[in-house]
């Protein structure tokens, strides 16, 4: 489905195109994977040196 359209795409556009194909071919599977990932969302604070910290987050990005 993507073979004829990948030559001119950068990695970001290729990922978007592949995601659209997955949603079209297996919408139920895509929805289930999204549900599982949303359930695993998290925010983490990692303490660093000299009063610094790193904030990490796996959060859902709702589109549409």
PDB file of N, CA and C in Angstrom:
ATOM      1  N   UNK A   1       0.799  -1.200   0.000  1.00  0.00           N
ATOM      2  CA  UNK A   1       0.000   0.000   0.000  1.00  0.00           C
ATOM      3  C   UNK A   1       0.844   1.268   0.000  1.00  0.00           C
ATOM      4  N   UNK A   2       2.032   1.206   0.589  1.00  0.00           N
ATOM      5  CA  UNK A   2       2.878   2.399   0.645  1.00  0.00           C
ATOM      6  C   UNK A   2       4.038   2.370  -0.332  1.00  0.00           C
ATOM      7  N   UNK A   3       4.339   1.198  -0.913  1.00  0.00           N
ATOM      8  CA  UNK A   3       5.569   1.018  -1.680  1.00  0.00           C
ATOM      9  C   UNK A   3       5.759   2.081  -2.759  1.00  0.00           C
ATOM     10  N   UNK A   4       4.722   2.441  -3.467  1.00  0.00           N
ATOM     11  CA  UNK A   4       4.861   3.414  -4.539  1.00  0.00           C
ATOM     12  C   UNK A   4       4.939   4.853  -4.080  1.00  0.00           C
ATOM     13  N   UNK A   5       4.776   5.103  -2.792  1.00  0.00           N
ATOM     14  CA  UNK A   5       4.701   6.489  -2.308  1.00  0.00           C
ATOM     15  C   UNK A   5       5.768   6.851  -1.277  1.00  0.00           C
ATOM     16  N   UNK A   6       6.767   6.011  -1.064  1.00  0.00           N
ATOM     17  CA  UNK A   6       7.712   6.297   0.015  1.00  0.00           C
ATOM     18  C   UNK A   6       8.987   6.991  -0.434  1.00  0.00           C
ATOM     19  N   UNK A   7       9.301   6.941  -1.695  1.00  0.00           N
ATOM     20  CA  UNK A   7      10.581   7.461  -2.167  1.00  0.00           C
ATOM     21  C   UNK A   7      10.778   8.940  -1.862  1.00  0.00           C
ATOM     22  N   UNK A   8       9.737   9.734  -1.928  1.00  0.00           N
ATOM     23  CA  UNK A   8       9.882  11.178  -1.754  1.00  0.00           C
ATOM     24  C   UNK A   8       9.482  11.669  -0.364  1.00  0.00           C
ATOM     25  N   UNK A   9       9.328  10.780   0.577  1.00  0.00           N
ATOM     26  CA  UNK A   9       8.862  11.181   1.912  1.00  0.00           C
ATOM     27  C   UNK A   9      10.000  11.188   2.932  1.00  0.00           C
ATOM     28  N   UNK A  10       9.992  12.214   3.783  1.00  0.00           N
ATOM     29  CA  UNK A  10      10.923  12.235   4.903  1.00  0.00           C
ATOM     30  C   UNK A  10      10.343  11.325   5.993  1.00  0.00           C
ATOM     31  N   UNK A  11      11.127  10.981   7.026  1.00  0.00           N
ATOM     32  CA  UNK A  11      10.648  10.035   8.042  1.00  0.00           C
ATOM     33  C   UNK A  11       9.338  10.440   8.712  1.00  0.00           C
ATOM     34  N   UNK A  12       9.135  11.696   8.979  1.00  0.00           N
ATOM     35  CA  UNK A  12       7.895  12.147   9.626  1.00  0.00           C
ATOM     36  C   UNK A  12       6.678  11.928   8.738  1.00  0.00           C
ATOM     37  N   UNK A  13       6.800  12.275   7.479  1.00  0.00           N
ATOM     38  CA  UNK A  13       5.686  12.086   6.541  1.00  0.00           C
ATOM     39  C   UNK A  13       5.442  10.603   6.274  1.00  0.00           C
ATOM     40  N   UNK A  14       6.498   9.811   6.240  1.00  0.00           N
ATOM     41  CA  UNK A  14       6.350   8.371   6.062  1.00  0.00           C
ATOM     42  C   UNK A  14       5.600   7.759   7.245  1.00  0.00           C
ATOM     43  N   UNK A  15       5.926   8.195   8.457  1.00  0.00           N
ATOM     44  CA  UNK A  15       5.235   7.713   9.656  1.00  0.00           C
ATOM     45  C   UNK A  15       3.749   8.083   9.610  1.00  0.00           C
ATOM     46  N   UNK A  16       3.448   9.309   9.190  1.00  0.00           N
ATOM     47  CA  UNK A  16       2.043   9.728   9.070  1.00  0.00           C
ATOM     48  C   UNK A  16       1.288   8.882   8.049  1.00  0.00           C
ATOM     49  N   UNK A  17       1.926   8.633   6.908  1.00  0.00           N
ATOM     50  CA  UNK A  17       1.278   7.830   5.866  1.00  0.00           C
ATOM     51  C   UNK A  17       1.053   6.401   6.355  1.00  0.00           C
ATOM     52  N   UNK A  18       2.045   5.830   7.035  1.00  0.00           N
ATOM     53  CA  UNK A  18       1.901   4.466   7.560  1.00  0.00           C
ATOM     54  C   UNK A  18       0.800   4.398   8.602  1.00  0.00           C
ATOM     55  N   UNK A  19       0.689   5.407   9.436  1.00  0.00           N
ATOM     56  CA  UNK A  19      -0.362   5.438  10.456  1.00  0.00           C
ATOM     57  C   UNK A  19      -1.743   5.486   9.803  1.00  0.00           C
ATOM     58  N   UNK A  20      -1.880   6.280   8.744  1.00  0.00           N
ATOM     59  CA  UNK A  20      -3.165   6.342   8.043  1.00  0.00           C
ATOM     60  C   UNK A  20      -3.540   4.984   7.452  1.00  0.00           C
ATOM     61  N   UNK A  21      -2.555   4.277   6.883  1.00  0.00           N
ATOM     62  CA  UNK A  21      -2.818   2.955   6.305  1.00  0.00           C
ATOM     63  C   UNK A  21      -3.232   1.978   7.402  1.00  0.00           C
ATOM     64  N   UNK A  22      -2.541   1.991   8.530  1.00  0.00           N
ATOM     65  CA  UNK A  22      -2.879   1.093   9.638  1.00  0.00           C
ATOM     66  C   UNK A  22      -4.305   1.350  10.107  1.00  0.00           C
ATOM     67  N   UNK A  23      -4.683   2.599  10.249  1.00  0.00           N
ATOM     68  CA  UNK A  23      -6.046   2.938  10.696  1.00  0.00           C
ATOM     69  C   UNK A  23      -7.095   2.492   9.678  1.00  0.00           C
ATOM     70  N   UNK A  24      -6.741   2.564   8.400  1.00  0.00           N
ATOM     71  CA  UNK A  24      -7.675   2.152   7.360  1.00  0.00           C
ATOM     72  C   UNK A  24      -7.801   0.624   7.306  1.00  0.00           C
ATOM     73  N   UNK A  25      -6.674  -0.091   7.448  1.00  0.00           N
ATOM     74  CA  UNK A  25      -6.668  -1.549   7.337  1.00  0.00           C
ATOM     75  C   UNK A  25      -7.185  -2.224   8.606  1.00  0.00           C
ATOM     76  N   UNK A  26      -6.814  -1.695   9.771  1.00  0.00           N
ATOM     77  CA  UNK A  26      -7.176  -2.331  11.044  1.00  0.00           C
ATOM     78  C   UNK A  26      -7.634  -1.286  12.061  1.00  0.00           C
ATOM     79  N   UNK A  27      -8.787  -0.671  11.837  1.00  0.00           N
ATOM     80  CA  UNK A  27      -9.224   0.393  12.748  1.00  0.00           C
ATOM     81  C   UNK A  27      -9.464  -0.100  14.173  1.00  0.00           C
ATOM     82  N   UNK A  28      -9.969  -1.315  14.331  1.00  0.00           N
ATOM     83  CA  UNK A  28     -10.209  -1.834  15.683  1.00  0.00           C
ATOM     84  C   UNK A  28      -8.897  -2.056  16.423  1.00  0.00           C
ATOM     85  N   UNK A  29      -7.908  -2.599  15.741  1.00  0.00           N
ATOM     86  CA  UNK A  29      -6.595  -2.808  16.357  1.00  0.00           C
ATOM     87  C   UNK A  29      -5.933  -1.492  16.724  1.00  0.00           C
ATOM     88  N   UNK A  30      -6.044  -0.500  15.833  1.00  0.00           N
ATOM     89  CA  UNK A  30      -5.470   0.816  16.115  1.00  0.00           C
ATOM     90  C   UNK A  30      -6.136   1.440  17.336  1.00  0.00           C
ATOM     91  N   UNK A  31      -7.447   1.301  17.430  1.00  0.00           N
ATOM     92  CA  UNK A  31      -8.177   1.853  18.581  1.00  0.00           C
ATOM     93  C   UNK A  31      -7.766   1.151  19.871  1.00  0.00           C
ATOM     94  N   UNK A  32      -7.601  -0.158  19.816  1.00  0.00           N
ATOM     95  CA  UNK A  32      -7.188  -0.913  21.011  1.00  0.00           C
ATOM     96  C   UNK A  32      -5.779  -0.521  21.445  1.00  0.00           C
ATOM     97  N   UNK A  33      -4.860  -0.392  20.485  1.00  0.00           N
ATOM     98  CA  UNK A  33      -3.493   0.025  20.832  1.00  0.00           C
ATOM     99  C   UNK A  33      -3.500   1.414  21.458  1.00  0.00           C
ATOM    100  N   UNK A  34      -4.325   2.319  20.929  1.00  0.00           N
ATOM    101  CA  UNK A  34      -4.422   3.664  21.502  1.00  0.00           C
ATOM    102  C   UNK A  34      -4.987   3.608  22.917  1.00  0.00           C
ATOM    103  N   UNK A  35      -5.998   2.759  23.138  1.00  0.00           N
ATOM    104  CA  UNK A  35      -6.590   2.629  24.473  1.00  0.00           C
ATOM    105  C   UNK A  35      -5.554   2.134  25.474  1.00  0.00           C
ATOM    106  N   UNK A  36      -4.770   1.131  25.074  1.00  0.00           N
ATOM    107  CA  UNK A  36      -3.734   0.580  25.957  1.00  0.00           C
ATOM    108  C   UNK A  36      -2.674   1.643  26.264  1.00  0.00           C
ATOM    109  N   UNK A  37      -2.252   2.391  25.248  1.00  0.00           N
ATOM    110  CA  UNK A  37      -1.235   3.429  25.466  1.00  0.00           C
ATOM    111  C   UNK A  37      -1.769   4.546  26.367  1.00  0.00           C
ATOM    112  N   UNK A  38      -3.045   4.935  26.179  1.00  0.00           N
ATOM    113  CA  UNK A  38      -3.621   5.965  27.063  1.00  0.00           C
ATOM    114  C   UNK A  38      -3.642   5.490  28.505  1.00  0.00           C
ATOM    115  N   UNK A  39      -3.941   4.216  28.712  1.00  0.00           N
ATOM    116  CA  UNK A  39      -3.976   3.672  30.073  1.00  0.00           C
ATOM    117  C   UNK A  39      -2.584   3.667  30.703  1.00  0.00           C
ATOM    118  N   UNK A  40      -1.554   3.647  29.877  1.00  0.00           N
ATOM    119  CA  UNK A  40      -0.172   3.601  30.390  1.00  0.00           C
ATOM    120  C   UNK A  40       0.464   4.995  30.461  1.00  0.00           C
ATOM    121  N   UNK A  41      -0.348   6.047  30.315  1.00  0.00           N
ATOM    122  CA  UNK A  41       0.221   7.397  30.348  1.00  0.00           C
ATOM    123  C   UNK A  41       0.896   7.660  31.691  1.00  0.00           C
ATOM    124  N   UNK A  42       1.897   8.547  31.652  1.00  0.00           N
ATOM    125  CA  UNK A  42       2.626   8.837  32.893  1.00  0.00           C
ATOM    126  C   UNK A  42       3.384  10.142  32.768  1.00  0.00           C
ATOM    127  N   UNK A  43       3.706  10.710  33.902  1.00  0.00           N
ATOM    128  CA  UNK A  43       4.572  11.880  34.012  1.00  0.00           C
ATOM    129  C   UNK A  43       5.615  11.532  35.057  1.00  0.00           C
ATOM    130  N   UNK A  44       6.864  11.843  34.749  1.00  0.00           N
ATOM    131  CA  UNK A  44       7.959  11.453  35.645  1.00  0.00           C
ATOM    132  C   UNK A  44       8.911  12.641  35.819  1.00  0.00           C
ATOM    133  N   UNK A  45       9.344  12.869  37.032  1.00  0.00           N
ATOM    134  CA  UNK A  45      10.319  13.905  37.334  1.00  0.00           C
ATOM    135  C   UNK A  45      11.611  13.220  37.756  1.00  0.00           C
ATOM    136  N   UNK A  46      12.670  13.455  36.994  1.00  0.00           N
ATOM    137  CA  UNK A  46      13.966  12.844  37.279  1.00  0.00           C
ATOM    138  C   UNK A  46      14.882  13.929  37.824  1.00  0.00           C
ATOM    139  N   UNK A  47      15.301  13.759  39.061  1.00  0.00           N
ATOM    140  CA  UNK A  47      16.181  14.743  39.685  1.00  0.00           C
ATOM    141  C   UNK A  47      17.573  14.648  39.090  1.00  0.00           C
ATOM    142  N   UNK A  48      18.134  15.816  38.800  1.00  0.00           N
ATOM    143  CA  UNK A  48      19.468  15.884  38.224  1.00  0.00           C
ATOM    144  C   UNK A  48      20.441  16.555  39.185  1.00  0.00           C
ATOM    145  N   UNK A  49      21.518  17.042  38.613  1.00  0.00           N
ATOM    146  CA  UNK A  49      22.564  17.697  39.414  1.00  0.00           C
ATOM    147  C   UNK A  49      22.352  19.207  39.457  1.00  0.00           C
ATOM    148  N   UNK A  50      22.888  19.840  40.457  1.00  0.00           N
ATOM    149  CA  UNK A  50      22.903  21.299  40.587  1.00  0.00           C
ATOM    150  C   UNK A  50      21.503  21.913  40.548  1.00  0.00           C
ATOM    151  N   UNK A  51      20.545  21.256  41.191  1.00  0.00           N
ATOM    152  CA  UNK A  51      19.206  21.799  41.288  1.00  0.00           C
ATOM    153  C   UNK A  51      18.375  21.673  40.019  1.00  0.00           C
ATOM    154  N   UNK A  52      18.828  20.887  39.080  1.00  0.00           N
ATOM    155  CA  UNK A  52      18.100  20.712  37.819  1.00  0.00           C
ATOM    156  C   UNK A  52      17.306  19.407  37.856  1.00  0.00           C
ATOM    157  N   UNK A  53      16.335  19.307  36.993  1.00  0.00           N
ATOM    158  CA  UNK A  53      15.516  18.099  36.881  1.00  0.00           C
ATOM    159  C   UNK A  53      15.063  17.965  35.433  1.00  0.00           C
ATOM    160  N   UNK A  54      14.663  16.761  35.080  1.00  0.00           N
ATOM    161  CA  UNK A  54      14.109  16.486  33.756  1.00  0.00           C
ATOM    162  C   UNK A  54      12.675  16.013  33.938  1.00  0.00           C
ATOM    163  N   UNK A  55      11.779  16.591  33.172  1.00  0.00           N
ATOM    164  CA  UNK A  55      10.376  16.216  33.211  1.00  0.00           C
ATOM    165  C   UNK A  55      10.080  15.362  31.977  1.00  0.00           C
ATOM    166  N   UNK A  56       9.638  14.130  32.193  1.00  0.00           N
ATOM    167  CA  UNK A  56       9.296  13.211  31.115  1.00  0.00           C
ATOM    168  C   UNK A  56       7.800  12.957  31.137  1.00  0.00           C
ATOM    169  N   UNK A  57       7.199  12.859  29.967  1.00  0.00           N
ATOM    170  CA  UNK A  57       5.758  12.603  29.918  1.00  0.00           C
ATOM    171  C   UNK A  57       5.400  11.758  28.696  1.00  0.00           C
ATOM    172  N   UNK A  58       4.611  10.735  28.928  1.00  0.00           N
ATOM    173  CA  UNK A  58       3.958   9.975  27.870  1.00  0.00           C
ATOM    174  C   UNK A  58       2.480  10.290  28.008  1.00  0.00           C
ATOM    175  N   UNK A  59       1.972  11.159  27.133  1.00  0.00           N
ATOM    176  CA  UNK A  59       0.602  11.633  27.242  1.00  0.00           C
ATOM    177  C   UNK A  59      -0.106  11.458  25.907  1.00  0.00           C
ATOM    178  N   UNK A  60      -1.421  11.271  25.939  1.00  0.00           N
ATOM    179  CA  UNK A  60      -2.169  11.157  24.678  1.00  0.00           C
ATOM    180  C   UNK A  60      -2.229  12.499  23.956  1.00  0.00           C
ATOM    181  N   UNK A  61      -2.099  12.435  22.666  1.00  0.00           N
ATOM    182  CA  UNK A  61      -2.245  13.623  21.832  1.00  0.00           C
ATOM    183  C   UNK A  61      -3.506  13.439  21.010  1.00  0.00           C
ATOM    184  N   UNK A  62      -4.598  13.963  21.513  1.00  0.00           N
ATOM    185  CA  UNK A  62      -5.889  13.801  20.833  1.00  0.00           C
ATOM    186  C   UNK A  62      -5.888  14.650  19.559  1.00  0.00           C
ATOM    187  N   UNK A  63      -6.269  14.048  18.477  1.00  0.00           N
ATOM    188  CA  UNK A  63      -6.376  14.732  17.198  1.00  0.00           C
ATOM    189  C   UNK A  63      -7.766  14.487  16.648  1.00  0.00           C
ATOM    190  N   UNK A  64      -8.412  15.561  16.232  1.00  0.00           N
ATOM    191  CA  UNK A  64      -9.728  15.401  15.612  1.00  0.00           C
ATOM    192  C   UNK A  64     -10.866  15.532  16.555  1.00  0.00           C
TER     193      UNK A  64
END
